[in-house]
Every structure is written in C-alpha cells, then in structure tokens.
Amino acid sequence: MDLKGQEGLLPLILGRRSYRGKYKPDRIPREHLTAILEAGLAAPSGCNRQTTSLIAVDDAELLKKLHAVIDPPVGETAPAMICVLTRRIIAYRDRCFAVQDYSAAIENMLLAITALGYQSCWYEGHITDTDRIGDRLAGILGVPEEYDLVCILPVGIAESEPSMPPKQPFDERAWFNGFRKDGDPEADR
C-alpha cells in the first residue's frame, strides 16, 4: 500500500482539518452520508460491544430545532449534522470502553468526510458540559434514555479554505525506543 502517494492514506490523514467556519448550502447526498456513517460503524470497538450509534440529520427544519439549543452556536450553516450516541456498557471486568469506541468512530467519520471533499469539526466539550445540550438534542431526536448524545459533527462544503494550525515538531512528540527530552544524546538508541 502506498501510504504517502497522492491517493494514499497519509495525505488524507494529514490533510484533515477541524473546520469552524461557514458552510455552503449545498445538500449532502444521502449516499455520502451513508458512507460516512458506515465508516464510523466500521471502527474498532472494545470487546466488540459496539457501544456507538449514529444519527445523520439532513432535514432543514430539524437542523433549525437542533441549532436552537446549541449555545454557543457551532456549525449552524452546515447542511447536515451527525449526532454521535453511546451506551455505557461494561465490556471487560469493570471496564467500559464507550469513549474509546466513539472516538474511533468519530475519527473514521472525519476521514471519510475529508475523503468525500467535505469539512467538519468534532464538537463534544460544550455538548456534554453542565448545561447538558446533548440531552436536549437527544430529546428532539427521540433518543432513548439508555443512550447519551456525546458529540456532533457538522458536515458540509467549506466556504473558505480551512487553515493548518501550528503543530509541535515531530521529534518533540514522537520517539523511537523510549521517551526522550530535548537534547537527549540517547535519542536514537
């Protein structure tokens, strides 16, 4: 597999951006939304408990209702939104892998979104914060109580080119054969 070629996996991963700008009003074809959802559901799942479920919303009136409760507003011009649901199921002994499960699903979906030429952003923090926006979104969508709505992904075509945020240098965050601090002469043992 060519990881670095123009059609390879690494350019897709390295080209993904978190887009917080405005979106064009172009509808997302259902087959694209379905492909994005399938990518999310194909993610690994701790002990195969499959704790993640997904709702794609592309109905304009329903999107308005959802955005009415999201404060501060995010992704309000996107023509589609994916809502990520989880169930807190014990997978192994006393461990629950729901966060890992839905995180893997979200990354798969973000990569699928990028591959299809769209933009998105992982919004979780203020969705699950103390004001419980996720609960209100779940109520609008008819989500049963045993599920938590933990994240939203607006999906659409960006009005402006997403920017690349500064990243720390590779050798300050990744090493071979052990952790090292800057200037460590034993860097490549």
C-alpha atoms as a PDB file:
ATOM      1  CA  MET A   1       0.000   0.000   0.000  1.00  0.00           C
ATOM      2  CA  ASP A   2       1.290   3.426  -0.926  1.00  0.00           C
ATOM      3  CA  LEU A   3       0.824   5.421   2.294  1.00  0.00           C
ATOM      4  CA  LYS A   4       2.409   8.625   1.031  1.00  0.00           C
ATOM      5  CA  GLY A   5       1.237   8.795  -2.598  1.00  0.00           C
ATOM      6  CA  GLN A   6      -1.346  11.322  -3.674  1.00  0.00           C
ATOM      7  CA  GLU A   7      -4.160   8.804  -3.183  1.00  0.00           C
ATOM      8  CA  GLY A   8      -2.590   7.241  -0.082  1.00  0.00           C
ATOM      9  CA  LEU A   9      -3.815   7.169   3.469  1.00  0.00           C
ATOM     10  CA  LEU A  10      -1.267   9.573   4.989  1.00  0.00           C
ATOM     11  CA  PRO A  11      -2.162  12.554   2.762  1.00  0.00           C
ATOM     12  CA  LEU A  12      -5.798  12.055   3.758  1.00  0.00           C
ATOM     13  CA  ILE A  13      -4.926  11.925   7.465  1.00  0.00           C
ATOM     14  CA  LEU A  14      -2.515  14.856   7.257  1.00  0.00           C
ATOM     15  CA  GLY A  15      -4.988  16.885   5.181  1.00  0.00           C
ATOM     16  CA  ARG A  16      -7.872  16.622   7.641  1.00  0.00           C
ATOM     17  CA  ARG A  17      -8.698  19.868   9.419  1.00  0.00           C
ATOM     18  CA  SER A  18     -11.138  20.929  12.126  1.00  0.00           C
ATOM     19  CA  TYR A  19     -13.306  23.434  10.284  1.00  0.00           C
ATOM     20  CA  ARG A  20     -15.157  26.040  12.342  1.00  0.00           C
ATOM     21  CA  GLY A  21     -16.183  28.401   9.542  1.00  0.00           C
ATOM     22  CA  LYS A  22     -19.318  28.806   7.470  1.00  0.00           C
ATOM     23  CA  TYR A  23     -20.552  26.142   5.073  1.00  0.00           C
ATOM     24  CA  LYS A  24     -22.018  26.378   1.582  1.00  0.00           C
ATOM     25  CA  PRO A  25     -25.726  25.448   1.464  1.00  0.00           C
ATOM     26  CA  ASP A  26     -25.182  22.513  -0.950  1.00  0.00           C
ATOM     27  CA  ARG A  27     -27.055  19.403   0.218  1.00  0.00           C
ATOM     28  CA  ILE A  28     -25.007  16.347   1.099  1.00  0.00           C
ATOM     29  CA  PRO A  29     -26.193  13.346  -0.952  1.00  0.00           C
ATOM     30  CA  ARG A  30     -27.668  10.584   1.206  1.00  0.00           C
ATOM     31  CA  GLU A  31     -25.202   8.083  -0.272  1.00  0.00           C
ATOM     32  CA  HIS A  32     -22.353  10.255   1.048  1.00  0.00           C
ATOM     33  CA  LEU A  33     -23.936  10.494   4.493  1.00  0.00           C
ATOM     34  CA  THR A  34     -24.483   6.733   4.448  1.00  0.00           C
ATOM     35  CA  ALA A  35     -20.827   6.145   3.525  1.00  0.00           C
ATOM     36  CA  ILE A  36     -19.730   8.414   6.394  1.00  0.00           C
ATOM     37  CA  LEU A  37     -21.965   6.543   8.860  1.00  0.00           C
ATOM     38  CA  GLU A  38     -20.684   3.191   7.576  1.00  0.00           C
ATOM     39  CA  ALA A  39     -17.101   4.373   8.121  1.00  0.00           C
ATOM     40  CA  GLY A  40     -17.980   5.292  11.703  1.00  0.00           C
ATOM     41  CA  LEU A  41     -19.646   1.968  12.421  1.00  0.00           C
ATOM     42  CA  ALA A  42     -16.644   0.103  10.951  1.00  0.00           C
ATOM     43  CA  ALA A  43     -14.399   1.452  13.734  1.00  0.00           C
ATOM     44  CA  PRO A  44     -12.925  -0.929  16.296  1.00  0.00           C
ATOM     45  CA  SER A  45     -14.959  -1.442  19.454  1.00  0.00           C
ATOM     46  CA  GLY A  46     -13.710  -2.609  22.856  1.00  0.00           C
ATOM     47  CA  CYS A  47     -14.579  -6.308  23.262  1.00  0.00           C
ATOM     48  CA  ASN A  48     -16.847  -5.819  20.223  1.00  0.00           C
ATOM     49  CA  ARG A  49     -19.559  -4.288  22.437  1.00  0.00           C
ATOM     50  CA  GLN A  50     -20.434  -1.820  19.635  1.00  0.00           C
ATOM     51  CA  THR A  51     -21.484   0.947  22.012  1.00  0.00           C
ATOM     52  CA  THR A  52     -21.615   3.684  19.346  1.00  0.00           C
ATOM     53  CA  SER A  53     -24.734   4.603  17.355  1.00  0.00           C
ATOM     54  CA  LEU A  54     -25.170   7.449  14.892  1.00  0.00           C
ATOM     55  CA  ILE A  55     -27.915   9.754  13.626  1.00  0.00           C
ATOM     56  CA  ALA A  56     -27.446  11.767  10.421  1.00  0.00           C
ATOM     57  CA  VAL A  57     -29.669  14.836  10.215  1.00  0.00           C
ATOM     58  CA  ASP A  58     -30.215  16.497   6.831  1.00  0.00           C
ATOM     59  CA  ASP A  59     -33.744  17.865   7.261  1.00  0.00           C
ATOM     60  CA  ALA A  60     -33.504  21.688   7.313  1.00  0.00           C
ATOM     61  CA  GLU A  61     -36.345  22.162   9.819  1.00  0.00           C
ATOM     62  CA  LEU A  62     -34.935  19.575  12.195  1.00  0.00           C
ATOM     63  CA  LEU A  63     -31.477  21.160  11.913  1.00  0.00           C
ATOM     64  CA  LYS A  64     -33.027  24.519  12.921  1.00  0.00           C
ATOM     65  CA  LYS A  65     -34.562  22.905  16.020  1.00  0.00           C
ATOM     66  CA  LEU A  66     -31.232  21.338  16.966  1.00  0.00           C
ATOM     67  CA  HIS A  67     -29.290  24.551  16.438  1.00  0.00           C
ATOM     68  CA  ALA A  68     -31.789  26.466  18.573  1.00  0.00           C
ATOM     69  CA  VAL A  69     -30.444  24.660  21.670  1.00  0.00           C
ATOM     70  CA  ILE A  70     -26.717  24.712  20.805  1.00  0.00           C
ATOM     71  CA  ASP A  71     -25.154  27.629  22.669  1.00  0.00           C
ATOM     72  CA  PRO A  72     -22.706  28.939  21.720  1.00  0.00           C
ATOM     73  CA  PRO A  73     -23.730  28.164  18.142  1.00  0.00           C
ATOM     74  CA  VAL A  74     -21.479  25.886  16.093  1.00  0.00           C
ATOM     75  CA  GLY A  75     -21.791  24.562  12.547  1.00  0.00           C
ATOM     76  CA  GLU A  76     -25.120  26.338  12.135  1.00  0.00           C
ATOM     77  CA  THR A  77     -24.718  26.757   8.358  1.00  0.00           C
ATOM     78  CA  ALA A  78     -23.832  23.107   7.676  1.00  0.00           C
ATOM     79  CA  PRO A  79     -26.466  21.290   5.580  1.00  0.00           C
ATOM     80  CA  ALA A  80     -26.037  18.104   7.626  1.00  0.00           C
ATOM     81  CA  MET A  81     -25.073  17.036  11.120  1.00  0.00           C
ATOM     82  CA  ILE A  82     -24.058  13.694  12.533  1.00  0.00           C
ATOM     83  CA  CYS A  83     -25.005  13.069  16.148  1.00  0.00           C
ATOM     84  CA  VAL A  84     -22.887  10.517  17.987  1.00  0.00           C
ATOM     85  CA  LEU A  85     -24.578   8.373  20.613  1.00  0.00           C
ATOM     86  CA  THR A  86     -23.046   5.989  23.109  1.00  0.00           C
ATOM     87  CA  ARG A  87     -24.201   3.415  25.622  1.00  0.00           C
ATOM     88  CA  ARG A  88     -22.151   2.897  28.770  1.00  0.00           C
ATOM     89  CA  ILE A  89     -21.773  -0.889  28.634  1.00  0.00           C
ATOM     90  CA  ILE A  90     -19.267  -2.812  30.738  1.00  0.00           C
ATOM     91  CA  ALA A  91     -17.030  -4.586  28.250  1.00  0.00           C
ATOM     92  CA  TYR A  92     -14.440  -6.385  30.351  1.00  0.00           C
ATOM     93  CA  ARG A  93     -14.408  -6.855  34.109  1.00  0.00           C
ATOM     94  CA  ASP A  94     -15.356  -3.374  35.344  1.00  0.00           C
ATOM     95  CA  ARG A  95     -14.170  -1.515  32.253  1.00  0.00           C
ATOM     96  CA  CYS A  96     -16.288   0.466  29.830  1.00  0.00           C
ATOM     97  CA  PHE A  97     -14.719   1.425  26.504  1.00  0.00           C
ATOM     98  CA  ALA A  98     -17.514   3.702  25.276  1.00  0.00           C
ATOM     99  CA  VAL A  99     -15.253   6.780  24.998  1.00  0.00           C
ATOM    100  CA  GLN A 100     -12.634   4.849  23.044  1.00  0.00           C
ATOM    101  CA  ASP A 101     -15.338   3.312  20.847  1.00  0.00           C
ATOM    102  CA  TYR A 102     -16.996   6.565  19.846  1.00  0.00           C
ATOM    103  CA  SER A 103     -13.632   8.325  19.482  1.00  0.00           C
ATOM    104  CA  ALA A 104     -12.511   5.715  16.946  1.00  0.00           C
ATOM    105  CA  ALA A 105     -15.853   6.036  15.142  1.00  0.00           C
ATOM    106  CA  ILE A 106     -15.527   9.826  15.012  1.00  0.00           C
ATOM    107  CA  GLU A 107     -12.011   9.685  13.570  1.00  0.00           C
ATOM    108  CA  ASN A 108     -13.174   7.232  10.891  1.00  0.00           C
ATOM    109  CA  MET A 109     -16.050   9.574  10.018  1.00  0.00           C
ATOM    110  CA  LEU A 110     -13.805  12.648   9.932  1.00  0.00           C
ATOM    111  CA  LEU A 111     -11.515  10.855   7.486  1.00  0.00           C
ATOM    112  CA  ALA A 112     -14.477   9.759   5.345  1.00  0.00           C
ATOM    113  CA  ILE A 113     -15.816  13.333   5.395  1.00  0.00           C
ATOM    114  CA  THR A 114     -12.419  14.602   4.223  1.00  0.00           C
ATOM    115  CA  ALA A 115     -12.130  11.895   1.542  1.00  0.00           C
ATOM    116  CA  LEU A 116     -15.524  12.932   0.142  1.00  0.00           C
ATOM    117  CA  GLY A 117     -14.451  16.592  -0.084  1.00  0.00           C
ATOM    118  CA  TYR A 118     -16.364  17.935   2.907  1.00  0.00           C
ATOM    119  CA  GLN A 119     -15.304  19.564   6.157  1.00  0.00           C
ATOM    120  CA  SER A 120     -16.342  19.052   9.763  1.00  0.00           C
ATOM    121  CA  CYS A 121     -15.306  19.580  13.360  1.00  0.00           C
ATOM    122  CA  TRP A 122     -15.602  17.335  16.404  1.00  0.00           C
ATOM    123  CA  TYR A 123     -17.800  19.216  18.888  1.00  0.00           C
ATOM    124  CA  GLU A 124     -18.040  17.485  22.231  1.00  0.00           C
ATOM    125  CA  GLY A 125     -16.995  19.724  25.133  1.00  0.00           C
ATOM    126  CA  HIS A 126     -19.935  22.089  25.371  1.00  0.00           C
ATOM    127  CA  ILE A 127     -22.352  19.407  24.115  1.00  0.00           C
ATOM    128  CA  THR A 128     -21.748  17.295  27.236  1.00  0.00           C
ATOM    129  CA  ASP A 129     -20.931  20.131  29.662  1.00  0.00           C
ATOM    130  CA  THR A 130     -23.015  21.060  32.700  1.00  0.00           C
ATOM    131  CA  ASP A 131     -25.776  22.676  30.621  1.00  0.00           C
ATOM    132  CA  ARG A 132     -26.393  19.227  29.034  1.00  0.00           C
ATOM    133  CA  ILE A 133     -27.020  20.387  25.464  1.00  0.00           C
ATOM    134  CA  GLY A 134     -26.594  16.758  24.386  1.00  0.00           C
ATOM    135  CA  ASP A 135     -29.614  15.752  26.471  1.00  0.00           C
ATOM    136  CA  ARG A 136     -31.747  18.430  24.818  1.00  0.00           C
ATOM    137  CA  LEU A 137     -30.569  17.391  21.345  1.00  0.00           C
ATOM    138  CA  ALA A 138     -31.336  13.763  22.219  1.00  0.00           C
ATOM    139  CA  GLY A 139     -34.841  14.770  23.311  1.00  0.00           C
ATOM    140  CA  ILE A 140     -35.520  16.475  19.982  1.00  0.00           C
ATOM    141  CA  LEU A 141     -34.282  13.373  18.129  1.00  0.00           C
ATOM    142  CA  GLY A 142     -36.250  10.889  20.247  1.00  0.00           C
ATOM    143  CA  VAL A 143     -33.146   9.149  21.587  1.00  0.00           C
ATOM    144  CA  PRO A 144     -33.942   6.569  24.327  1.00  0.00           C
ATOM    145  CA  GLU A 145     -32.602   7.245  27.841  1.00  0.00           C
ATOM    146  CA  GLU A 146     -30.034   4.427  27.747  1.00  0.00           C
ATOM    147  CA  TYR A 147     -28.070   6.391  25.124  1.00  0.00           C
ATOM    148  CA  ASP A 148     -26.033   9.555  25.648  1.00  0.00           C
ATOM    149  CA  LEU A 149     -25.637  12.050  22.807  1.00  0.00           C
ATOM    150  CA  VAL A 150     -21.973  12.958  23.251  1.00  0.00           C
ATOM    151  CA  CYS A 151     -20.855  14.708  20.087  1.00  0.00           C
ATOM    152  CA  ILE A 152     -21.971  16.449  16.920  1.00  0.00           C
ATOM    153  CA  LEU A 153     -20.205  16.661  13.575  1.00  0.00           C
ATOM    154  CA  PRO A 154     -21.495  19.335  11.194  1.00  0.00           C
ATOM    155  CA  VAL A 155     -20.883  18.227   7.592  1.00  0.00           C
ATOM    156  CA  GLY A 156     -20.642  20.395   4.506  1.00  0.00           C
ATOM    157  CA  ILE A 157     -18.545  22.149   1.909  1.00  0.00           C
ATOM    158  CA  ALA A 158     -16.416  24.882   3.451  1.00  0.00           C
ATOM    159  CA  GLU A 159     -16.997  28.463   2.316  1.00  0.00           C
ATOM    160  CA  SER A 160     -13.329  29.198   2.961  1.00  0.00           C
ATOM    161  CA  GLU A 161     -10.189  27.093   2.910  1.00  0.00           C
ATOM    162  CA  PRO A 162      -9.510  25.514   6.311  1.00  0.00           C
ATOM    163  CA  SER A 163      -6.212  26.597   7.807  1.00  0.00           C
ATOM    164  CA  MET A 164      -3.454  24.403   9.183  1.00  0.00           C
ATOM    165  CA  PRO A 165      -2.883  25.134  12.860  1.00  0.00           C
ATOM    166  CA  PRO A 166       0.702  25.132  14.086  1.00  0.00           C
ATOM    167  CA  LYS A 167       1.844  21.700  15.205  1.00  0.00           C
ATOM    168  CA  GLN A 168       4.698  20.894  17.533  1.00  0.00           C
ATOM    169  CA  PRO A 169       7.654  19.328  15.724  1.00  0.00           C
ATOM    170  CA  PHE A 170       7.531  15.553  15.256  1.00  0.00           C
ATOM    171  CA  ASP A 171      10.714  14.955  17.274  1.00  0.00           C
ATOM    172  CA  GLU A 172       9.247  16.796  20.277  1.00  0.00           C
ATOM    173  CA  ARG A 173       6.293  14.392  20.467  1.00  0.00           C
ATOM    174  CA  ALA A 174       7.400  11.086  18.943  1.00  0.00           C
ATOM    175  CA  TRP A 175      10.492   8.973  19.529  1.00  0.00           C
ATOM    176  CA  PHE A 176      11.938   5.540  18.931  1.00  0.00           C
ATOM    177  CA  ASN A 177      12.831   3.101  21.701  1.00  0.00           C
ATOM    178  CA  GLY A 178      11.922   5.268  24.666  1.00  0.00           C
ATOM    179  CA  PHE A 179      10.901   8.718  25.838  1.00  0.00           C
ATOM    180  CA  ARG A 180      13.441  11.476  25.458  1.00  0.00           C
ATOM    181  CA  LYS A 181      13.719  15.101  26.435  1.00  0.00           C
ATOM    182  CA  ASP A 182      15.060  17.769  24.069  1.00  0.00           C
ATOM    183  CA  GLY A 183      18.788  17.455  23.558  1.00  0.00           C
ATOM    184  CA  ASP A 184      18.984  13.903  24.871  1.00  0.00           C
ATOM    185  CA  PRO A 185      22.042  12.327  23.201  1.00  0.00           C
ATOM    186  CA  GLU A 186      20.468   8.888  23.633  1.00  0.00           C
ATOM    187  CA  ALA A 187      17.622   9.846  21.265  1.00  0.00           C
ATOM    188  CA  ASP A 188      18.175   7.014  18.801  1.00  0.00           C
ATOM    189  CA  ARG A 189      19.231   4.091  20.935  1.00  0.00           C
END
